[in-house]
Structures are given as C-alpha cells and as structure tokens.
Amino acid sequence: MTCSHAPAPPTQHRAGHLRWMFLTWCADCDWPEIQAFVATGHGNAKSEGINRMIKLAARAAHGFRNSTNQRLRTRCVTIRRARGHLHPA
C-alpha cells in the first residue's frame, strides 16, 4: 500500500541535475567554509568526531573532579595507541 501524497523518487538524471545545482551553488556562495571545502575537499568531520568522543567520555564519567584524570581519559578515548600507557603526573 503506497501513500498517494508521497512524491515519486527522482530519476537518475534528475538527481544528478539537482546535485550539480547544489554543488554550483556551493561553489558560488560567499561562505568561506564552503569555499574551502570545494577548493580542498577537506572538511572538519574528524575534529567534530573527536569532540563528540570527548563529550561522551565526560558524560560517562559524570564530570571530572581532577583535571589530570580528565586529560588522561580524554587522551585514552581519542588516541588508541595511548590506551594503557598513560600515568598521572
């Protein structure tokens, strides 16, 4: 049973045209972040992912009382090779 109000999916040609229109708009816009992404192909996804992991670690610990432990736990969460090798100063 299909809904009569749902739009039909776009054809492959239409989807390609809409993508081209969006990328053209991105290249022509005045936002420096979008222009940098179009020019370099690099975004901030990696830093956003690391920030998310840090916030989740802080939530799991219900806050940190000791700044040294906070740095160590953050480092353990974000750098795999550091796990098990960190010692408080």
N, C-alpha and C. Protein backbone atom coordinates (compact mmCIF):
# COMPACT_ATOMS: atom_id res chain seq x y z
N MET A 1 0.84 -1.17 0.00
CA MET A 1 0.00 0.00 0.00
C MET A 1 0.89 1.24 0.00
N THR A 2 0.73 2.10 -0.96
CA THR A 2 1.54 3.30 -1.06
C THR A 2 0.71 4.52 -0.69
N CYS A 3 1.41 5.52 -0.24
CA CYS A 3 0.76 6.78 0.11
C CYS A 3 0.62 7.62 -1.15
N SER A 4 -0.55 8.15 -1.38
CA SER A 4 -0.77 8.93 -2.60
C SER A 4 -0.16 10.32 -2.50
N HIS A 5 0.24 10.74 -1.29
CA HIS A 5 0.78 12.08 -1.10
C HIS A 5 2.31 12.11 -1.21
N ALA A 6 2.94 10.97 -1.19
CA ALA A 6 4.40 10.92 -1.25
C ALA A 6 4.87 11.21 -2.67
N PRO A 7 5.90 12.06 -2.82
CA PRO A 7 6.40 12.34 -4.17
C PRO A 7 7.13 11.12 -4.74
N ALA A 8 7.10 11.01 -6.01
CA ALA A 8 7.81 9.92 -6.68
C ALA A 8 9.31 10.17 -6.57
N PRO A 9 10.11 9.13 -6.41
CA PRO A 9 11.55 9.34 -6.33
C PRO A 9 12.08 9.93 -7.63
N PRO A 10 13.09 10.79 -7.54
CA PRO A 10 13.61 11.41 -8.77
C PRO A 10 14.34 10.38 -9.63
N THR A 11 14.34 10.64 -10.89
CA THR A 11 15.09 9.77 -11.80
C THR A 11 16.57 10.02 -11.60
N GLN A 12 17.39 9.14 -12.15
CA GLN A 12 18.83 9.30 -12.01
C GLN A 12 19.30 10.61 -12.65
N HIS A 13 18.72 10.95 -13.77
CA HIS A 13 19.08 12.20 -14.45
C HIS A 13 18.71 13.40 -13.58
N ARG A 14 17.51 13.37 -13.01
CA ARG A 14 17.05 14.48 -12.17
C ARG A 14 17.90 14.60 -10.91
N ALA A 15 18.25 13.49 -10.30
CA ALA A 15 19.09 13.51 -9.11
C ALA A 15 20.47 14.08 -9.44
N GLY A 16 21.03 13.70 -10.57
CA GLY A 16 22.32 14.25 -10.98
C GLY A 16 22.25 15.74 -11.23
N HIS A 17 21.15 16.18 -11.83
CA HIS A 17 20.98 17.61 -12.09
C HIS A 17 20.84 18.39 -10.78
N LEU A 18 20.07 17.85 -9.83
CA LEU A 18 19.93 18.52 -8.53
C LEU A 18 21.27 18.59 -7.80
N ARG A 19 22.07 17.52 -7.87
CA ARG A 19 23.40 17.52 -7.25
C ARG A 19 24.27 18.58 -7.90
N TRP A 20 24.25 18.66 -9.23
CA TRP A 20 25.04 19.67 -9.93
C TRP A 20 24.62 21.08 -9.52
N MET A 21 23.31 21.30 -9.40
CA MET A 21 22.82 22.62 -8.98
C MET A 21 23.30 22.97 -7.58
N PHE A 22 23.27 21.98 -6.66
CA PHE A 22 23.73 22.22 -5.29
C PHE A 22 25.22 22.53 -5.25
N LEU A 23 26.02 21.75 -5.97
CA LEU A 23 27.47 21.99 -5.97
C LEU A 23 27.81 23.32 -6.62
N THR A 24 27.07 23.71 -7.64
CA THR A 24 27.28 25.02 -8.25
C THR A 24 26.95 26.12 -7.26
N TRP A 25 25.87 25.96 -6.52
CA TRP A 25 25.50 26.94 -5.51
C TRP A 25 26.60 27.03 -4.45
N CYS A 26 27.14 25.87 -4.01
CA CYS A 26 28.21 25.87 -3.01
C CYS A 26 29.44 26.60 -3.53
N ALA A 27 29.80 26.36 -4.78
CA ALA A 27 31.00 27.00 -5.34
C ALA A 27 30.81 28.50 -5.50
N ASP A 28 29.59 28.96 -5.71
CA ASP A 28 29.32 30.39 -5.94
C ASP A 28 28.97 31.15 -4.67
N CYS A 29 28.81 30.48 -3.55
CA CYS A 29 28.35 31.17 -2.34
C CYS A 29 29.49 31.98 -1.71
N ASP A 30 29.12 32.82 -0.75
CA ASP A 30 30.09 33.68 -0.08
C ASP A 30 30.53 33.15 1.28
N TRP A 31 30.26 31.90 1.58
CA TRP A 31 30.66 31.31 2.85
C TRP A 31 32.06 30.75 2.72
N PRO A 32 33.02 31.25 3.50
CA PRO A 32 34.41 30.78 3.37
C PRO A 32 34.57 29.30 3.70
N GLU A 33 33.75 28.77 4.61
CA GLU A 33 33.87 27.35 4.96
C GLU A 33 33.51 26.47 3.77
N ILE A 34 32.45 26.82 3.06
CA ILE A 34 32.04 26.02 1.90
C ILE A 34 33.04 26.18 0.77
N GLN A 35 33.53 27.40 0.57
CA GLN A 35 34.53 27.62 -0.48
C GLN A 35 35.80 26.82 -0.20
N ALA A 36 36.21 26.78 1.06
CA ALA A 36 37.40 26.00 1.42
C ALA A 36 37.18 24.51 1.16
N PHE A 37 35.98 24.01 1.47
CA PHE A 37 35.70 22.60 1.22
C PHE A 37 35.70 22.30 -0.27
N VAL A 38 35.08 23.17 -1.06
CA VAL A 38 35.03 22.96 -2.51
C VAL A 38 36.44 22.99 -3.09
N ALA A 39 37.28 23.91 -2.60
CA ALA A 39 38.64 24.05 -3.13
C ALA A 39 39.56 22.90 -2.71
N THR A 40 39.42 22.44 -1.44
CA THR A 40 40.37 21.45 -0.92
C THR A 40 39.80 20.05 -0.82
N GLY A 41 38.49 19.93 -0.66
CA GLY A 41 37.88 18.62 -0.45
C GLY A 41 37.99 18.15 0.99
N HIS A 42 38.48 19.02 1.88
CA HIS A 42 38.63 18.65 3.29
C HIS A 42 37.60 19.39 4.13
N GLY A 43 37.03 18.69 5.09
CA GLY A 43 36.06 19.29 6.00
C GLY A 43 36.54 19.16 7.43
N ASN A 44 35.65 19.39 8.36
CA ASN A 44 36.01 19.32 9.77
C ASN A 44 35.38 18.09 10.44
N ALA A 45 35.08 17.07 9.69
CA ALA A 45 34.42 15.89 10.24
C ALA A 45 35.29 15.19 11.28
N LYS A 46 36.59 15.14 11.07
CA LYS A 46 37.47 14.45 12.01
C LYS A 46 37.47 15.16 13.36
N SER A 47 37.60 16.48 13.36
CA SER A 47 37.60 17.20 14.64
C SER A 47 36.24 17.13 15.32
N GLU A 48 35.16 17.13 14.55
CA GLU A 48 33.83 17.00 15.14
C GLU A 48 33.66 15.62 15.77
N GLY A 49 34.19 14.59 15.14
CA GLY A 49 34.12 13.25 15.70
C GLY A 49 34.90 13.13 17.00
N ILE A 50 36.08 13.74 17.05
CA ILE A 50 36.88 13.71 18.27
C ILE A 50 36.18 14.46 19.39
N ASN A 51 35.62 15.63 19.08
CA ASN A 51 34.87 16.39 20.09
C ASN A 51 33.70 15.59 20.62
N ARG A 52 33.04 14.84 19.76
CA ARG A 52 31.91 14.02 20.20
C ARG A 52 32.38 12.93 21.15
N MET A 53 33.51 12.28 20.85
CA MET A 53 34.04 11.24 21.72
C MET A 53 34.42 11.81 23.08
N ILE A 54 34.99 13.01 23.11
CA ILE A 54 35.37 13.65 24.38
C ILE A 54 34.13 13.94 25.21
N LYS A 55 33.08 14.47 24.58
CA LYS A 55 31.86 14.77 25.32
C LYS A 55 31.20 13.51 25.86
N LEU A 56 31.22 12.42 25.08
CA LEU A 56 30.65 11.16 25.55
C LEU A 56 31.43 10.61 26.74
N ALA A 57 32.76 10.73 26.71
CA ALA A 57 33.58 10.27 27.83
C ALA A 57 33.27 11.08 29.08
N ALA A 58 33.09 12.39 28.94
CA ALA A 58 32.77 13.24 30.08
C ALA A 58 31.40 12.88 30.65
N ARG A 59 30.44 12.59 29.78
CA ARG A 59 29.11 12.20 30.25
C ARG A 59 29.15 10.87 31.00
N ALA A 60 29.93 9.93 30.48
CA ALA A 60 30.02 8.62 31.11
C ALA A 60 30.67 8.72 32.49
N ALA A 61 31.56 9.69 32.69
CA ALA A 61 32.24 9.86 33.97
C ALA A 61 31.46 10.76 34.91
N HIS A 62 30.35 11.31 34.45
CA HIS A 62 29.54 12.25 35.24
C HIS A 62 30.38 13.44 35.69
N GLY A 63 31.22 13.93 34.80
CA GLY A 63 32.07 15.08 35.10
C GLY A 63 33.40 14.61 35.68
N PHE A 64 34.39 15.45 35.63
CA PHE A 64 35.71 15.12 36.16
C PHE A 64 36.03 16.06 37.32
N ARG A 65 36.56 15.52 38.40
CA ARG A 65 36.96 16.36 39.53
C ARG A 65 38.44 16.70 39.47
N ASN A 66 39.19 15.91 38.75
CA ASN A 66 40.64 16.10 38.69
C ASN A 66 41.01 16.38 37.24
N SER A 67 41.65 17.53 36.99
CA SER A 67 41.98 17.89 35.61
C SER A 67 42.98 16.94 34.97
N THR A 68 43.88 16.37 35.78
CA THR A 68 44.84 15.40 35.23
C THR A 68 44.12 14.16 34.73
N ASN A 69 43.18 13.67 35.52
CA ASN A 69 42.41 12.50 35.08
C ASN A 69 41.56 12.82 33.86
N GLN A 70 41.06 14.04 33.78
CA GLN A 70 40.28 14.44 32.62
C GLN A 70 41.14 14.38 31.36
N ARG A 71 42.35 14.93 31.42
CA ARG A 71 43.25 14.88 30.25
C ARG A 71 43.60 13.44 29.89
N LEU A 72 43.88 12.61 30.89
CA LEU A 72 44.24 11.23 30.62
C LEU A 72 43.08 10.46 29.99
N ARG A 73 41.90 10.63 30.54
CA ARG A 73 40.76 9.90 29.99
C ARG A 73 40.45 10.37 28.57
N THR A 74 40.53 11.69 28.34
CA THR A 74 40.30 12.22 27.00
C THR A 74 41.31 11.66 26.02
N ARG A 75 42.56 11.59 26.45
CA ARG A 75 43.60 11.06 25.57
C ARG A 75 43.39 9.57 25.30
N CYS A 76 43.00 8.84 26.31
CA CYS A 76 42.75 7.40 26.12
C CYS A 76 41.59 7.15 25.16
N VAL A 77 40.60 8.01 25.21
CA VAL A 77 39.44 7.83 24.34
C VAL A 77 39.78 8.18 22.90
N THR A 78 40.60 9.20 22.70
CA THR A 78 40.83 9.69 21.34
C THR A 78 42.05 9.10 20.66
N ILE A 79 43.02 8.56 21.41
CA ILE A 79 44.23 8.01 20.80
C ILE A 79 44.36 6.55 21.21
N ARG A 80 44.14 5.64 20.29
CA ARG A 80 44.16 4.22 20.61
C ARG A 80 45.50 3.74 21.14
N ARG A 81 46.59 4.21 20.56
CA ARG A 81 47.89 3.69 20.99
C ARG A 81 48.25 4.14 22.40
N ALA A 82 47.55 5.15 22.94
CA ALA A 82 47.84 5.63 24.27
C ALA A 82 47.13 4.84 25.34
N ARG A 83 46.17 4.00 24.96
CA ARG A 83 45.41 3.25 25.96
C ARG A 83 46.31 2.31 26.75
N GLY A 84 46.23 2.43 28.06
CA GLY A 84 47.02 1.57 28.94
C GLY A 84 48.44 2.03 29.17
N HIS A 85 48.87 3.13 28.55
CA HIS A 85 50.27 3.59 28.71
C HIS A 85 50.36 4.95 29.37
N LEU A 86 49.26 5.47 29.87
CA LEU A 86 49.29 6.81 30.47
C LEU A 86 49.31 6.71 31.99
N HIS A 87 50.10 7.55 32.60
CA HIS A 87 50.22 7.56 34.05
C HIS A 87 50.11 9.01 34.51
N PRO A 88 49.32 9.26 35.57
CA PRO A 88 49.20 10.63 36.06
C PRO A 88 50.54 11.18 36.52
N ALA A 89 50.73 12.48 36.31
CA ALA A 89 51.99 13.12 36.72
C ALA A 89 51.95 13.49 38.17
